[in-house]
Amino acid sequence: MKKIEAVIRKSKFSDVKKALHEIGVNFFSYWDVTGVGNEKEGHVYRGVTYSTSDIQRRYLSIVVSDDFLDRTVAVILESAATGLVGDGKIFVSEIQETYRIRTKEKGNDAVN
């Protein structure tokens, strides 16, 4: 099993959520987070310069079976992209075991 952690633009969250549901990823957790990115220059919007050093993003945490990893990552890459700086990052790590508390199932049976 793999854990996918994705930091995306808040404006792309509904697109990502819809795309994940379409491929069968129906459970994941998410949080609103603030981070610091590489871009240090401010942006001008309607004549007002604002800082981009603190960036509002959405953080997704998704656990999938190994055979579902590539498809899930591809869907996030496609649905979260704008082509602009600050689209986000995806991190993948190994999950040793998963348990469903209600039924006591473990492994891939507990993920879906």
Protein backbone atom coordinates (compact mmCIF):
# COMPACT_ATOMS: atom_id res chain seq x y z
CA MET A 1 0.00 0.00 0.00
CA LYS A 2 1.06 3.56 -0.66
CA LYS A 3 0.26 6.88 0.96
CA ILE A 4 -0.10 9.78 -1.44
CA GLU A 5 0.25 13.24 0.04
CA ALA A 6 -0.59 16.06 -2.33
CA VAL A 7 -0.38 19.80 -1.77
CA ILE A 8 -2.54 21.56 -4.37
CA ARG A 9 -4.14 24.91 -5.10
CA LYS A 10 -7.39 25.38 -3.20
CA SER A 11 -9.01 26.50 -6.45
CA LYS A 12 -8.30 23.08 -8.03
CA PHE A 13 -9.66 20.99 -5.14
CA SER A 14 -13.12 20.34 -6.64
CA ASP A 15 -11.55 19.25 -9.94
CA VAL A 16 -9.18 16.88 -8.13
CA LYS A 17 -11.93 15.51 -5.89
CA LYS A 18 -14.21 14.84 -8.86
CA ALA A 19 -11.39 13.15 -10.81
CA LEU A 20 -10.49 10.95 -7.83
CA HIS A 21 -14.13 9.88 -7.41
CA GLU A 22 -14.33 9.04 -11.13
CA ILE A 23 -11.49 6.50 -10.80
CA GLY A 24 -12.88 5.00 -7.59
CA VAL A 25 -10.92 6.82 -4.89
CA ASN A 26 -13.83 7.58 -2.60
CA PHE A 27 -12.07 8.09 0.73
CA PHE A 28 -9.33 10.55 1.56
CA SER A 29 -8.61 13.24 4.11
CA TYR A 30 -7.78 16.87 3.44
CA TRP A 31 -6.78 20.00 5.31
CA ASP A 32 -6.36 23.67 4.53
CA VAL A 33 -2.69 24.52 5.02
CA THR A 34 -0.32 27.43 4.61
CA GLY A 35 3.16 26.93 3.20
CA VAL A 36 6.17 28.80 1.97
CA GLY A 37 7.12 28.39 -1.69
CA ASN A 38 10.12 29.19 -3.88
CA GLU A 39 8.64 32.32 -5.42
CA LYS A 40 9.70 35.40 -3.47
CA GLU A 41 8.35 38.21 -5.62
CA GLY A 42 4.98 39.77 -4.92
CA HIS A 43 2.14 39.90 -7.43
CA VAL A 44 0.11 42.91 -8.46
CA TYR A 45 -3.66 42.56 -8.54
CA ARG A 46 -5.78 45.60 -9.40
CA GLY A 47 -2.90 47.89 -8.62
CA VAL A 48 -2.15 46.37 -5.22
CA THR A 49 1.02 44.36 -4.60
CA TYR A 50 0.58 41.36 -2.34
CA SER A 51 3.08 38.86 -0.95
CA THR A 52 3.27 35.32 -2.26
CA SER A 53 5.67 34.05 0.40
CA ASP A 54 2.82 32.51 2.46
CA ILE A 55 0.70 30.33 0.20
CA GLN A 56 -2.78 28.97 0.99
CA ARG A 57 -3.12 25.38 -0.24
CA ARG A 58 -5.09 22.20 0.35
CA TYR A 59 -3.30 19.09 1.63
CA LEU A 60 -4.69 15.67 0.63
CA SER A 61 -3.81 12.36 2.26
CA ILE A 62 -4.81 9.25 0.28
CA VAL A 63 -3.97 5.59 0.91
CA VAL A 64 -4.26 3.24 -2.08
CA SER A 65 -3.25 -0.29 -3.00
CA ASP A 66 0.04 -0.60 -4.90
CA ASP A 67 -1.70 -1.35 -8.19
CA PHE A 68 -3.79 1.84 -7.90
CA LEU A 69 -0.85 4.18 -7.29
CA ASP A 70 0.03 5.19 -10.87
CA ARG A 71 -3.58 5.87 -11.83
CA THR A 72 -4.20 7.98 -8.73
CA VAL A 73 -1.04 10.05 -9.18
CA ALA A 74 -1.81 10.58 -12.88
CA VAL A 75 -5.31 11.85 -12.08
CA ILE A 76 -3.97 14.33 -9.51
CA LEU A 77 -1.25 15.54 -11.89
CA GLU A 78 -3.82 16.10 -14.64
CA SER A 79 -6.64 17.65 -12.61
CA ALA A 80 -4.51 19.88 -10.33
CA ALA A 81 -2.32 21.44 -13.02
CA THR A 82 -2.66 25.02 -14.20
CA GLY A 83 0.80 25.24 -15.74
CA LEU A 84 1.74 28.09 -13.40
CA VAL A 85 4.23 28.31 -10.56
CA GLY A 86 2.65 27.02 -7.36
CA ASP A 87 0.61 24.11 -8.71
CA GLY A 88 1.88 21.97 -5.81
CA LYS A 89 3.67 18.74 -5.04
CA ILE A 90 2.89 15.03 -4.64
CA PHE A 91 4.74 12.78 -2.19
CA VAL A 92 4.46 8.98 -2.14
CA SER A 93 5.46 6.78 0.78
CA GLU A 94 5.10 3.16 1.82
CA ILE A 95 2.35 2.10 4.24
CA GLN A 96 3.24 -0.93 6.32
CA GLU A 97 -0.33 -1.95 7.24
CA THR A 98 -3.90 -0.66 7.31
CA TYR A 99 -6.79 -1.70 9.55
CA ARG A 100 -10.52 -0.95 9.35
CA ILE A 101 -11.61 -0.50 12.95
CA ARG A 102 -15.28 -1.43 12.47
CA THR A 103 -14.76 -4.81 10.74
CA LYS A 104 -11.19 -5.59 11.86
CA GLU A 105 -10.21 -6.08 8.18
CA LYS A 106 -6.61 -5.37 7.30
CA GLY A 107 -4.48 -4.79 4.24
CA ASN A 108 -6.04 -3.95 0.88
CA ASP A 109 -9.49 -5.03 2.14
CA ALA A 110 -9.35 -2.22 4.70
CA VAL A 111 -8.35 0.43 2.14
CA ASN A 112 -11.39 0.21 -0.14
